[in-house]
N, C-alpha and C. Protein backbone atom coordinates (compact mmCIF):
# COMPACT_ATOMS: atom_id res chain seq x y z
N MET A 1 230.26 16.41 202.14
CA MET A 1 230.82 15.82 200.92
C MET A 1 232.23 16.39 200.68
N ASP A 2 233.17 15.50 200.40
CA ASP A 2 234.54 15.93 200.14
C ASP A 2 234.65 16.62 198.78
N ILE A 3 235.49 17.65 198.73
CA ILE A 3 235.76 18.37 197.48
C ILE A 3 237.18 18.02 197.02
N ILE A 4 237.29 17.58 195.77
CA ILE A 4 238.59 17.35 195.16
C ILE A 4 238.77 18.38 194.06
N VAL A 5 239.89 19.08 194.07
CA VAL A 5 240.20 20.03 193.00
C VAL A 5 241.20 19.37 192.06
N ILE A 6 240.90 19.41 190.77
CA ILE A 6 241.82 18.95 189.73
C ILE A 6 242.43 20.18 189.06
N THR A 7 243.72 20.18 188.88
CA THR A 7 244.37 21.36 188.32
C THR A 7 243.92 21.61 186.89
N HIS A 8 244.08 22.86 186.46
CA HIS A 8 243.90 23.19 185.05
C HIS A 8 244.91 22.35 184.25
N PRO A 9 244.53 21.84 183.08
CA PRO A 9 245.47 20.98 182.34
C PRO A 9 246.73 21.69 181.86
N GLU A 10 246.68 23.02 181.77
CA GLU A 10 247.85 23.78 181.37
C GLU A 10 248.53 24.39 182.60
N LEU A 11 249.79 24.71 182.47
CA LEU A 11 250.49 25.43 183.53
C LEU A 11 249.99 26.87 183.57
N LEU A 12 249.64 27.35 184.75
CA LEU A 12 249.07 28.68 184.89
C LEU A 12 250.03 29.64 185.58
N PRO A 13 249.88 30.95 185.33
CA PRO A 13 250.69 31.93 186.06
C PRO A 13 250.40 31.87 187.56
N PHE A 14 251.43 31.89 188.36
CA PHE A 14 251.30 31.90 189.83
C PHE A 14 250.46 30.72 190.32
N GLU A 15 250.57 29.59 189.64
CA GLU A 15 249.71 28.45 189.99
C GLU A 15 249.97 27.94 191.40
N ALA A 16 251.23 27.86 191.80
CA ALA A 16 251.54 27.37 193.14
C ALA A 16 250.90 28.23 194.20
N GLU A 17 250.86 29.54 193.96
CA GLU A 17 250.24 30.45 194.93
C GLU A 17 248.74 30.17 195.05
N HIS A 18 248.09 29.89 193.92
CA HIS A 18 246.66 29.54 193.95
C HIS A 18 246.45 28.25 194.75
N LEU A 19 247.27 27.24 194.47
CA LEU A 19 247.11 25.95 195.14
C LEU A 19 247.41 26.06 196.63
N ASN A 20 248.44 26.81 196.98
CA ASN A 20 248.76 26.98 198.40
C ASN A 20 247.64 27.71 199.13
N ALA A 21 247.00 28.65 198.47
CA ALA A 21 245.87 29.36 199.08
C ALA A 21 244.70 28.40 199.32
N LEU A 22 244.46 27.50 198.38
CA LEU A 22 243.39 26.51 198.55
C LEU A 22 243.71 25.57 199.71
N PHE A 23 244.96 25.12 199.80
CA PHE A 23 245.34 24.26 200.92
C PHE A 23 245.15 24.98 202.25
N SER A 24 245.49 26.26 202.28
CA SER A 24 245.36 27.02 203.53
C SER A 24 243.91 27.18 203.95
N LYS A 25 242.99 27.03 202.97
CA LYS A 25 241.56 27.13 203.27
C LYS A 25 240.92 25.77 203.54
N GLY A 26 241.76 24.75 203.60
CA GLY A 26 241.25 23.45 204.02
C GLY A 26 241.16 22.38 202.95
N LEU A 27 241.62 22.65 201.71
CA LEU A 27 241.59 21.63 200.67
C LEU A 27 242.41 20.42 201.10
N LYS A 28 241.81 19.24 201.03
CA LYS A 28 242.48 18.01 201.47
C LYS A 28 242.96 17.14 200.34
N ARG A 29 242.39 17.34 199.12
CA ARG A 29 242.78 16.47 198.01
C ARG A 29 242.90 17.28 196.73
N LEU A 30 244.09 17.24 196.16
CA LEU A 30 244.37 17.91 194.88
C LEU A 30 244.87 16.86 193.90
N HIS A 31 244.26 16.84 192.72
CA HIS A 31 244.75 15.98 191.65
C HIS A 31 245.56 16.85 190.68
N LEU A 32 246.84 16.53 190.55
CA LEU A 32 247.73 17.30 189.70
C LEU A 32 247.75 16.62 188.33
N ARG A 33 247.00 17.22 187.41
CA ARG A 33 246.87 16.66 186.06
C ARG A 33 247.33 17.69 185.04
N LYS A 34 248.45 17.43 184.41
CA LYS A 34 249.03 18.31 183.39
C LYS A 34 249.50 17.43 182.22
N PRO A 35 248.60 17.04 181.32
CA PRO A 35 248.94 16.04 180.30
C PRO A 35 250.15 16.38 179.45
N LEU A 36 250.40 17.67 179.20
CA LEU A 36 251.49 18.06 178.29
C LEU A 36 252.73 18.56 179.03
N ALA A 37 252.69 18.58 180.33
CA ALA A 37 253.82 19.10 181.11
C ALA A 37 254.92 18.05 181.23
N THR A 38 256.13 18.53 181.26
CA THR A 38 257.26 17.63 181.46
C THR A 38 257.40 17.27 182.93
N LYS A 39 258.20 16.25 183.19
CA LYS A 39 258.44 15.88 184.59
C LYS A 39 259.09 17.02 185.35
N GLU A 40 260.03 17.73 184.71
CA GLU A 40 260.69 18.84 185.38
C GLU A 40 259.70 19.96 185.73
N GLU A 41 258.75 20.21 184.84
CA GLU A 41 257.75 21.25 185.12
C GLU A 41 256.85 20.85 186.29
N ILE A 42 256.46 19.59 186.32
CA ILE A 42 255.64 19.10 187.44
C ILE A 42 256.44 19.12 188.74
N ARG A 43 257.70 18.69 188.65
CA ARG A 43 258.56 18.70 189.85
C ARG A 43 258.71 20.11 190.40
N TYR A 44 258.90 21.08 189.51
CA TYR A 44 259.07 22.47 189.94
C TYR A 44 257.80 22.98 190.61
N LEU A 45 256.64 22.62 190.07
CA LEU A 45 255.38 23.06 190.67
C LEU A 45 255.20 22.46 192.06
N ILE A 46 255.45 21.17 192.20
CA ILE A 46 255.30 20.53 193.51
C ILE A 46 256.28 21.12 194.51
N ALA A 47 257.49 21.43 194.06
CA ALA A 47 258.51 21.96 194.96
C ALA A 47 258.12 23.32 195.54
N GLN A 48 257.21 24.02 194.87
CA GLN A 48 256.76 25.32 195.37
C GLN A 48 255.62 25.19 196.39
N ILE A 49 255.18 23.98 196.62
CA ILE A 49 254.11 23.72 197.59
C ILE A 49 254.75 23.20 198.87
N PRO A 50 254.42 23.77 200.03
CA PRO A 50 255.03 23.32 201.29
C PRO A 50 254.85 21.82 201.50
N ALA A 51 255.85 21.20 202.08
CA ALA A 51 255.85 19.75 202.27
C ALA A 51 254.66 19.27 203.09
N GLN A 52 254.14 20.13 203.95
CA GLN A 52 253.00 19.73 204.78
C GLN A 52 251.76 19.40 203.95
N TYR A 53 251.72 19.90 202.70
CA TYR A 53 250.57 19.64 201.83
C TYR A 53 250.81 18.53 200.81
N HIS A 54 252.01 18.01 200.76
CA HIS A 54 252.33 17.01 199.74
C HIS A 54 251.46 15.76 199.87
N ALA A 55 251.10 15.42 201.10
CA ALA A 55 250.27 14.23 201.32
C ALA A 55 248.84 14.42 200.84
N CYS A 56 248.51 15.62 200.37
CA CYS A 56 247.19 15.89 199.81
C CYS A 56 247.16 15.79 198.29
N ILE A 57 248.32 15.57 197.67
CA ILE A 57 248.45 15.67 196.21
C ILE A 57 248.52 14.28 195.57
N ARG A 58 247.78 14.12 194.51
CA ARG A 58 247.82 12.89 193.71
C ARG A 58 248.17 13.26 192.28
N VAL A 59 249.11 12.55 191.67
CA VAL A 59 249.57 12.87 190.31
C VAL A 59 248.93 11.96 189.27
N HIS A 60 248.69 12.54 188.09
CA HIS A 60 248.12 11.79 186.96
C HIS A 60 249.18 11.37 185.95
N GLN A 61 250.35 11.98 186.02
CA GLN A 61 251.47 11.64 185.15
C GLN A 61 252.76 11.62 185.97
N HIS A 62 253.80 11.05 185.39
CA HIS A 62 255.11 11.04 186.04
C HIS A 62 254.99 10.48 187.46
N TYR A 63 254.54 9.23 187.51
CA TYR A 63 254.20 8.60 188.78
C TYR A 63 255.34 8.54 189.78
N ASP A 64 256.58 8.49 189.30
CA ASP A 64 257.69 8.37 190.22
C ASP A 64 257.85 9.59 191.11
N LEU A 65 257.22 10.72 190.72
CA LEU A 65 257.26 11.90 191.59
C LEU A 65 256.47 11.66 192.88
N GLY A 66 255.58 10.70 192.85
CA GLY A 66 254.84 10.37 194.06
C GLY A 66 255.74 9.93 195.19
N ASN A 67 256.73 9.08 194.88
CA ASN A 67 257.69 8.65 195.89
C ASN A 67 258.70 9.74 196.22
N GLU A 68 259.09 10.48 195.21
CA GLU A 68 260.09 11.53 195.42
C GLU A 68 259.63 12.57 196.43
N PHE A 69 258.34 12.93 196.37
CA PHE A 69 257.81 13.96 197.25
C PHE A 69 256.88 13.41 198.34
N ALA A 70 256.78 12.10 198.47
CA ALA A 70 255.87 11.49 199.45
C ALA A 70 254.45 12.02 199.29
N LEU A 71 253.95 11.93 198.05
CA LEU A 71 252.61 12.42 197.75
C LEU A 71 251.56 11.41 198.20
N ARG A 72 250.29 11.81 198.10
CA ARG A 72 249.20 10.93 198.53
C ARG A 72 249.12 9.68 197.67
N GLY A 73 249.43 9.80 196.38
CA GLY A 73 249.37 8.63 195.52
C GLY A 73 249.29 9.03 194.06
N ILE A 74 248.78 8.09 193.24
CA ILE A 74 248.69 8.32 191.81
C ILE A 74 247.29 7.99 191.32
N HIS A 75 246.97 8.51 190.13
CA HIS A 75 245.66 8.30 189.54
C HIS A 75 245.79 7.59 188.20
N HIS A 76 244.96 6.59 187.99
CA HIS A 76 244.97 5.83 186.75
C HIS A 76 243.84 6.26 185.82
N LYS A 77 244.13 6.29 184.53
CA LYS A 77 243.10 6.46 183.52
C LYS A 77 242.20 5.23 183.49
N SER A 78 241.05 5.38 182.84
CA SER A 78 240.11 4.25 182.76
C SER A 78 240.67 3.10 181.92
N THR A 79 241.68 3.37 181.12
CA THR A 79 242.27 2.34 180.25
C THR A 79 243.44 1.61 180.90
N HIS A 80 243.79 1.99 182.11
CA HIS A 80 244.97 1.40 182.75
C HIS A 80 244.71 -0.06 183.14
N ASP A 81 245.69 -0.91 182.88
CA ASP A 81 245.62 -2.32 183.25
C ASP A 81 246.07 -2.48 184.69
N ILE A 82 245.17 -2.88 185.56
CA ILE A 82 245.52 -2.95 186.98
C ILE A 82 246.45 -4.11 187.29
N ASN A 83 246.60 -5.04 186.38
CA ASN A 83 247.42 -6.22 186.66
C ASN A 83 248.90 -5.89 186.85
N ASP A 84 249.33 -4.73 186.33
CA ASP A 84 250.75 -4.40 186.44
C ASP A 84 251.01 -3.30 187.45
N ALA A 85 250.03 -3.03 188.33
CA ALA A 85 250.14 -1.84 189.16
C ALA A 85 250.39 -2.10 190.63
N GLY A 86 250.17 -3.29 191.12
CA GLY A 86 250.31 -3.51 192.54
C GLY A 86 249.36 -2.62 193.32
N ILE A 87 248.08 -2.71 192.99
CA ILE A 87 247.08 -1.76 193.51
C ILE A 87 247.04 -1.74 195.03
N ASN A 88 246.93 -0.57 195.58
CA ASN A 88 246.69 -0.41 197.01
C ASN A 88 245.93 0.88 197.23
N LYS A 89 245.79 1.29 198.46
CA LYS A 89 244.95 2.45 198.76
C LYS A 89 245.60 3.78 198.40
N GLY A 90 246.77 3.75 197.80
CA GLY A 90 247.38 4.98 197.32
C GLY A 90 247.00 5.30 195.89
N TYR A 91 245.99 4.60 195.37
CA TYR A 91 245.61 4.77 193.98
C TYR A 91 244.14 5.19 193.85
N SER A 92 243.86 5.93 192.78
CA SER A 92 242.49 6.22 192.38
C SER A 92 242.39 5.96 190.88
N ARG A 93 241.16 6.00 190.35
CA ARG A 93 240.97 5.62 188.95
C ARG A 93 239.76 6.33 188.36
N SER A 94 239.82 6.61 187.07
CA SER A 94 238.69 7.17 186.33
C SER A 94 237.81 6.04 185.80
N CYS A 95 236.50 6.20 185.93
CA CYS A 95 235.53 5.23 185.41
C CYS A 95 234.43 5.98 184.66
N HIS A 96 233.81 5.27 183.72
CA HIS A 96 232.77 5.89 182.91
C HIS A 96 231.53 5.01 182.78
N SER A 97 231.42 4.03 183.66
CA SER A 97 230.23 3.18 183.65
C SER A 97 230.03 2.58 185.03
N PHE A 98 228.80 2.13 185.28
CA PHE A 98 228.50 1.46 186.54
C PHE A 98 229.22 0.12 186.63
N GLU A 99 229.39 -0.53 185.50
CA GLU A 99 230.09 -1.81 185.50
C GLU A 99 231.54 -1.65 185.98
N GLU A 100 232.17 -0.55 185.59
CA GLU A 100 233.54 -0.30 186.05
C GLU A 100 233.58 -0.08 187.55
N LEU A 101 232.57 0.60 188.08
CA LEU A 101 232.52 0.82 189.53
C LEU A 101 232.46 -0.51 190.27
N LYS A 102 231.62 -1.42 189.77
CA LYS A 102 231.50 -2.73 190.41
C LYS A 102 232.80 -3.51 190.31
N ARG A 103 233.50 -3.35 189.21
CA ARG A 103 234.74 -4.11 189.01
C ARG A 103 235.90 -3.60 189.85
N TYR A 104 236.02 -2.27 189.98
CA TYR A 104 237.24 -1.70 190.55
C TYR A 104 237.12 -1.11 191.95
N HIS A 105 235.91 -1.00 192.50
CA HIS A 105 235.76 -0.22 193.73
C HIS A 105 236.60 -0.75 194.89
N SER A 106 236.80 -2.06 194.95
CA SER A 106 237.56 -2.62 196.07
C SER A 106 239.07 -2.55 195.87
N ASN A 107 239.51 -2.16 194.67
CA ASN A 107 240.95 -2.10 194.38
C ASN A 107 241.55 -0.72 194.57
N TYR A 108 240.72 0.28 194.77
CA TYR A 108 241.20 1.67 194.80
C TYR A 108 240.67 2.41 196.02
N GLU A 109 241.41 3.44 196.40
CA GLU A 109 240.93 4.29 197.50
C GLU A 109 239.62 4.94 197.12
N TYR A 110 239.53 5.44 195.88
CA TYR A 110 238.26 5.96 195.36
C TYR A 110 238.31 5.96 193.84
N LEU A 111 237.12 6.08 193.25
CA LEU A 111 236.97 6.10 191.80
C LEU A 111 236.24 7.35 191.38
N PHE A 112 236.63 7.92 190.25
CA PHE A 112 235.86 8.99 189.62
C PHE A 112 234.81 8.36 188.71
N LEU A 113 233.59 8.88 188.75
CA LEU A 113 232.57 8.51 187.78
C LEU A 113 232.22 9.77 186.99
N SER A 114 232.35 9.69 185.67
CA SER A 114 232.10 10.87 184.83
C SER A 114 231.62 10.46 183.45
N PRO A 115 230.98 11.44 182.74
CA PRO A 115 230.58 12.78 183.23
C PRO A 115 229.19 12.76 183.85
N ILE A 116 229.07 13.36 185.02
CA ILE A 116 227.78 13.42 185.71
C ILE A 116 226.90 14.51 185.09
N PHE A 117 227.48 15.69 184.89
CA PHE A 117 226.81 16.78 184.17
C PHE A 117 227.61 17.06 182.90
N ASP A 118 227.08 17.88 182.02
CA ASP A 118 227.82 18.28 180.83
C ASP A 118 229.12 18.96 181.25
N SER A 119 230.21 18.55 180.65
CA SER A 119 231.52 19.06 181.04
C SER A 119 231.65 20.56 180.79
N ILE A 120 232.35 21.23 181.70
CA ILE A 120 232.66 22.65 181.54
C ILE A 120 233.99 22.82 180.80
N SER A 121 234.92 21.92 181.05
CA SER A 121 236.28 22.08 180.50
C SER A 121 236.47 21.37 179.16
N LYS A 122 235.54 20.48 178.79
CA LYS A 122 235.68 19.73 177.54
C LYS A 122 234.44 19.96 176.67
N ASP A 123 234.65 20.41 175.45
CA ASP A 123 233.54 20.63 174.53
C ASP A 123 232.92 19.29 174.12
N LYS A 124 231.59 19.31 173.99
CA LYS A 124 230.83 18.15 173.49
C LYS A 124 231.04 16.90 174.35
N TYR A 125 231.35 17.10 175.63
CA TYR A 125 231.49 15.97 176.56
C TYR A 125 230.28 16.03 177.48
N HIS A 126 229.23 15.31 177.07
CA HIS A 126 227.93 15.47 177.71
C HIS A 126 227.69 14.43 178.80
N SER A 127 226.76 14.76 179.66
CA SER A 127 226.39 13.88 180.77
C SER A 127 226.04 12.49 180.28
N ASN A 128 226.53 11.49 181.00
CA ASN A 128 226.27 10.10 180.62
C ASN A 128 225.35 9.39 181.60
N PHE A 129 224.94 10.11 182.65
CA PHE A 129 224.12 9.51 183.69
C PHE A 129 223.08 10.52 184.17
N THR A 130 221.95 10.02 184.64
CA THR A 130 221.02 10.88 185.36
C THR A 130 221.29 10.69 186.85
N LEU A 131 220.90 11.67 187.64
CA LEU A 131 221.07 11.53 189.09
C LEU A 131 220.21 10.39 189.62
N GLU A 132 219.06 10.18 189.00
CA GLU A 132 218.19 9.07 189.41
C GLU A 132 218.88 7.73 189.19
N GLN A 133 219.56 7.58 188.05
CA GLN A 133 220.29 6.34 187.78
C GLN A 133 221.40 6.12 188.81
N CYS A 134 222.11 7.18 189.14
CA CYS A 134 223.18 7.08 190.12
C CYS A 134 222.63 6.69 191.49
N HIS A 135 221.55 7.32 191.88
CA HIS A 135 220.94 7.05 193.19
C HIS A 135 220.49 5.59 193.26
N GLU A 136 219.85 5.11 192.21
CA GLU A 136 219.39 3.72 192.18
C GLU A 136 220.57 2.75 192.25
N PHE A 137 221.66 3.11 191.57
CA PHE A 137 222.85 2.25 191.61
C PHE A 137 223.40 2.13 193.03
N PHE A 138 223.53 3.26 193.72
CA PHE A 138 224.09 3.23 195.07
C PHE A 138 223.16 2.52 196.05
N LEU A 139 221.85 2.66 195.86
CA LEU A 139 220.90 1.94 196.72
C LEU A 139 221.04 0.43 196.51
N ALA A 140 221.28 0.02 195.28
CA ALA A 140 221.41 -1.40 194.97
C ALA A 140 222.76 -1.97 195.38
N HIS A 141 223.77 -1.09 195.58
CA HIS A 141 225.13 -1.54 195.91
C HIS A 141 225.67 -0.74 197.10
N PRO A 142 225.14 -0.96 198.27
CA PRO A 142 225.59 -0.18 199.45
C PRO A 142 227.04 -0.40 199.80
N GLU A 143 227.62 -1.49 199.31
CA GLU A 143 229.04 -1.76 199.58
C GLU A 143 229.96 -0.83 198.80
N ILE A 144 229.42 -0.16 197.78
CA ILE A 144 230.23 0.74 196.96
C ILE A 144 230.04 2.16 197.48
N ASN A 145 230.96 2.62 198.28
CA ASN A 145 230.80 3.91 198.96
C ASN A 145 232.02 4.82 198.82
N ASN A 146 232.78 4.62 197.72
CA ASN A 146 233.99 5.42 197.52
C ASN A 146 234.02 6.04 196.12
N ILE A 147 232.87 6.54 195.68
CA ILE A 147 232.74 7.06 194.32
C ILE A 147 232.65 8.59 194.34
N VAL A 148 233.49 9.22 193.53
CA VAL A 148 233.56 10.68 193.44
C VAL A 148 232.95 11.12 192.12
N ALA A 149 232.01 12.03 192.18
CA ALA A 149 231.36 12.56 190.98
C ALA A 149 232.30 13.54 190.28
N LEU A 150 232.31 13.47 188.94
CA LEU A 150 233.15 14.35 188.14
C LEU A 150 232.41 14.71 186.85
N GLY A 151 232.62 15.94 186.39
CA GLY A 151 232.05 16.36 185.12
C GLY A 151 230.99 17.43 185.28
N GLY A 152 231.33 18.66 184.92
CA GLY A 152 230.36 19.75 184.93
C GLY A 152 229.91 20.20 186.30
N ILE A 153 230.66 19.88 187.33
CA ILE A 153 230.23 20.22 188.70
C ILE A 153 230.64 21.65 189.04
N SER A 154 229.69 22.39 189.58
CA SER A 154 229.91 23.79 189.93
C SER A 154 229.19 24.09 191.23
N ALA A 155 229.36 25.31 191.71
CA ALA A 155 228.67 25.73 192.93
C ALA A 155 227.16 25.76 192.73
N LYS A 156 226.71 25.82 191.47
CA LYS A 156 225.27 25.88 191.19
C LYS A 156 224.59 24.52 191.26
N ASN A 157 225.33 23.44 191.02
CA ASN A 157 224.68 22.13 190.99
C ASN A 157 225.23 21.11 191.98
N ILE A 158 226.28 21.44 192.71
CA ILE A 158 226.90 20.45 193.59
C ILE A 158 225.97 20.00 194.70
N SER A 159 225.07 20.87 195.13
CA SER A 159 224.16 20.50 196.22
C SER A 159 223.25 19.35 195.82
N ALA A 160 222.99 19.19 194.51
CA ALA A 160 222.13 18.10 194.04
C ALA A 160 222.77 16.73 194.24
N LEU A 161 224.08 16.70 194.49
CA LEU A 161 224.79 15.43 194.63
C LEU A 161 224.84 14.92 196.06
N THR A 162 224.47 15.74 197.01
CA THR A 162 224.73 15.41 198.42
C THR A 162 223.90 14.26 198.95
N THR A 163 222.77 13.94 198.33
CA THR A 163 221.94 12.84 198.81
C THR A 163 221.89 11.66 197.86
N ILE A 164 222.77 11.64 196.86
CA ILE A 164 222.74 10.60 195.84
C ILE A 164 223.48 9.35 196.27
N GLY A 165 224.60 9.52 196.98
CA GLY A 165 225.43 8.40 197.39
C GLY A 165 226.90 8.57 197.07
N PHE A 166 227.25 9.70 196.44
CA PHE A 166 228.65 9.98 196.15
C PHE A 166 229.40 10.33 197.44
N SER A 167 230.64 9.90 197.52
CA SER A 167 231.46 10.25 198.69
C SER A 167 232.12 11.60 198.54
N GLY A 168 232.18 12.12 197.30
CA GLY A 168 232.81 13.41 197.06
C GLY A 168 232.50 13.90 195.67
N ALA A 169 233.01 15.08 195.36
CA ALA A 169 232.84 15.68 194.04
C ALA A 169 234.15 16.32 193.62
N ALA A 170 234.51 16.16 192.36
CA ALA A 170 235.75 16.73 191.82
C ALA A 170 235.42 17.84 190.83
N VAL A 171 236.18 18.92 190.89
CA VAL A 171 235.92 20.08 190.03
C VAL A 171 237.17 20.44 189.23
N ILE A 172 236.93 20.89 188.00
CA ILE A 172 238.02 21.41 187.16
C ILE A 172 237.59 22.74 186.55
N GLY A 173 236.73 22.65 185.53
CA GLY A 173 236.38 23.83 184.74
C GLY A 173 235.75 24.96 185.52
N SER A 174 234.94 24.63 186.51
CA SER A 174 234.24 25.69 187.23
C SER A 174 235.17 26.52 188.11
N ILE A 175 236.22 25.90 188.64
CA ILE A 175 237.10 26.64 189.54
C ILE A 175 238.23 27.34 188.78
N TRP A 176 238.52 26.87 187.55
CA TRP A 176 239.57 27.50 186.73
C TRP A 176 238.95 28.16 185.51
N LYS A 177 238.02 29.07 185.74
CA LYS A 177 237.30 29.72 184.64
C LYS A 177 238.23 30.58 183.79
N ASN A 178 239.14 31.26 184.45
CA ASN A 178 239.99 32.24 183.79
C ASN A 178 241.44 31.95 184.15
N LYS A 179 242.28 31.75 183.16
CA LYS A 179 243.68 31.43 183.43
C LYS A 179 244.40 32.53 184.21
N CYS A 180 243.89 33.74 184.13
CA CYS A 180 244.54 34.87 184.82
C CYS A 180 243.72 35.37 186.00
N GLN A 181 242.82 34.55 186.53
CA GLN A 181 241.99 34.99 187.64
C GLN A 181 242.85 35.22 188.88
N SER A 182 242.34 36.03 189.79
CA SER A 182 243.09 36.34 191.00
C SER A 182 243.04 35.17 191.97
N ILE A 183 244.00 35.14 192.87
CA ILE A 183 244.02 34.10 193.90
C ILE A 183 242.77 34.21 194.76
N GLN A 184 242.33 35.43 195.04
CA GLN A 184 241.13 35.61 195.86
C GLN A 184 239.90 35.05 195.16
N ASP A 185 239.81 35.21 193.84
CA ASP A 185 238.69 34.65 193.09
C ASP A 185 238.68 33.12 193.21
N THR A 186 239.85 32.51 193.12
CA THR A 186 239.94 31.06 193.26
C THR A 186 239.49 30.61 194.63
N VAL A 187 239.97 31.29 195.66
CA VAL A 187 239.61 30.94 197.03
C VAL A 187 238.12 31.16 197.28
N ASN A 188 237.59 32.27 196.78
CA ASN A 188 236.16 32.55 196.99
C ASN A 188 235.29 31.47 196.37
N TYR A 189 235.68 31.02 195.17
CA TYR A 189 234.88 30.00 194.52
C TYR A 189 234.98 28.67 195.26
N TYR A 190 236.16 28.34 195.74
CA TYR A 190 236.31 27.11 196.51
C TYR A 190 235.42 27.15 197.75
N GLU A 191 235.38 28.28 198.41
CA GLU A 191 234.54 28.40 199.61
C GLU A 191 233.06 28.28 199.27
N GLN A 192 232.66 28.76 198.09
CA GLN A 192 231.28 28.56 197.63
C GLN A 192 230.99 27.08 197.44
N LEU A 193 231.93 26.36 196.84
CA LEU A 193 231.77 24.93 196.63
C LEU A 193 231.60 24.20 197.97
N VAL A 194 232.43 24.54 198.91
CA VAL A 194 232.36 23.89 200.23
C VAL A 194 231.01 24.15 200.88
N GLN A 195 230.56 25.39 200.81
CA GLN A 195 229.28 25.74 201.41
C GLN A 195 228.12 24.99 200.75
N GLN A 196 228.13 24.94 199.43
CA GLN A 196 227.03 24.31 198.70
C GLN A 196 227.09 22.78 198.76
N SER A 197 228.23 22.23 199.13
CA SER A 197 228.37 20.77 199.19
C SER A 197 228.02 20.20 200.55
N GLN A 198 227.59 21.03 201.45
CA GLN A 198 227.18 20.53 202.76
C GLN A 198 226.01 19.57 202.61
N THR A 199 226.04 18.49 203.35
CA THR A 199 224.97 17.51 203.30
C THR A 199 223.74 18.04 204.04
N PRO A 200 222.58 17.44 203.77
CA PRO A 200 221.37 17.86 204.51
C PRO A 200 221.54 17.76 206.01
N LEU A 201 222.30 16.80 206.48
CA LEU A 201 222.53 16.69 207.92
C LEU A 201 223.24 17.92 208.45
N GLU A 202 224.21 18.42 207.70
CA GLU A 202 224.96 19.59 208.12
C GLU A 202 224.12 20.86 208.04
N ARG A 203 223.18 20.87 207.10
CA ARG A 203 222.35 22.06 206.93
C ARG A 203 221.05 22.03 207.73
N ALA A 204 220.71 20.85 208.22
CA ALA A 204 219.39 20.67 208.81
C ALA A 204 219.18 21.53 210.06
N SER A 205 218.01 22.04 210.19
CA SER A 205 217.63 22.77 211.41
C SER A 205 216.98 21.79 212.37
N THR A 206 216.76 22.21 213.57
CA THR A 206 216.14 21.34 214.56
C THR A 206 214.68 21.05 214.22
N ASN A 207 214.09 21.85 213.33
CA ASN A 207 212.70 21.64 212.95
C ASN A 207 212.52 20.54 211.92
N SER A 208 213.62 20.16 211.23
CA SER A 208 213.50 19.11 210.21
C SER A 208 214.70 18.17 210.30
N PRO A 209 214.75 17.40 211.41
CA PRO A 209 215.90 16.51 211.60
C PRO A 209 215.97 15.42 210.55
N VAL A 210 217.21 15.03 210.24
CA VAL A 210 217.43 13.93 209.30
C VAL A 210 218.47 12.99 209.86
N ILE A 211 218.47 11.79 209.34
CA ILE A 211 219.51 10.82 209.65
C ILE A 211 220.29 10.60 208.37
N GLN A 212 221.61 10.63 208.45
CA GLN A 212 222.44 10.43 207.26
C GLN A 212 223.32 9.21 207.44
N THR A 213 223.36 8.36 206.43
CA THR A 213 224.21 7.18 206.47
C THR A 213 225.62 7.56 206.11
N SER A 214 226.55 6.62 206.26
CA SER A 214 227.95 6.87 205.93
C SER A 214 228.16 7.04 204.44
N ASN A 215 227.15 6.71 203.64
CA ASN A 215 227.26 6.82 202.18
C ASN A 215 226.50 8.03 201.67
N ASN A 216 226.27 9.00 202.54
CA ASN A 216 225.62 10.26 202.17
C ASN A 216 224.19 10.07 201.68
N ARG A 217 223.52 9.00 202.13
CA ARG A 217 222.11 8.84 201.81
C ARG A 217 221.31 9.34 202.99
N VAL A 218 220.25 10.01 202.72
CA VAL A 218 219.50 10.68 203.76
C VAL A 218 218.14 10.05 203.94
N ILE A 219 217.78 9.82 205.22
CA ILE A 219 216.45 9.33 205.58
C ILE A 219 215.83 10.33 206.52
N LYS A 220 214.64 10.82 206.20
CA LYS A 220 213.99 11.77 207.09
C LYS A 220 213.52 11.07 208.35
N LYS A 221 213.74 11.73 209.46
CA LYS A 221 213.35 11.18 210.74
C LYS A 221 211.87 11.44 210.98
N SER A 222 211.20 10.49 211.53
CA SER A 222 209.78 10.66 211.79
C SER A 222 209.57 11.71 212.86
N SER A 223 208.54 12.52 212.67
CA SER A 223 208.25 13.58 213.64
C SER A 223 207.42 13.07 214.81
N ARG A 224 207.00 11.80 214.76
CA ARG A 224 206.18 11.25 215.84
C ARG A 224 206.99 10.96 217.09
């Protein structure tokens, strides 16, 4: 399962160093979300990240920085009108219902569905779905295979998502617990997330083989 890291909403001390350390450990997708930051502040942060990682970054504000730095793309809020966007695979979007997934999945590279668990970073932002509901939705719509789980995801519960049908999981609050945490603490937690997000196929021993579909759904192989 792919891991997406979303930045802390505020500018943090030595933030570029934290992000560069995550990239060096294999992070492939970073969502740069700073609602109150100016364009110059975002530009300065991106400029401190080596160009080789720019194609891993997606911005939530100041979209023109995407072209300036050749970033991976941009992210739309759930309220964004797609009619004025010229949608292509350089875009992602936030969704909060199954109906939105059905409407937008073919227009975007991937969609966030939230909140899956009670939010860590937002007070009183509670889970809106059960894992059973999500699993049933994906079984009923196998064509929808680009959905990323968001909301309350941590190293303690991410493993529960690996057989539901999500293509990835996005984290915010769990990885940015402390604004002054060490770079090593950030890296260690990311590595925990990666380890716990392994699919049953990746974890399976030869004694309990499984077959995994491209949509992260698991079927146990018959022992006969």
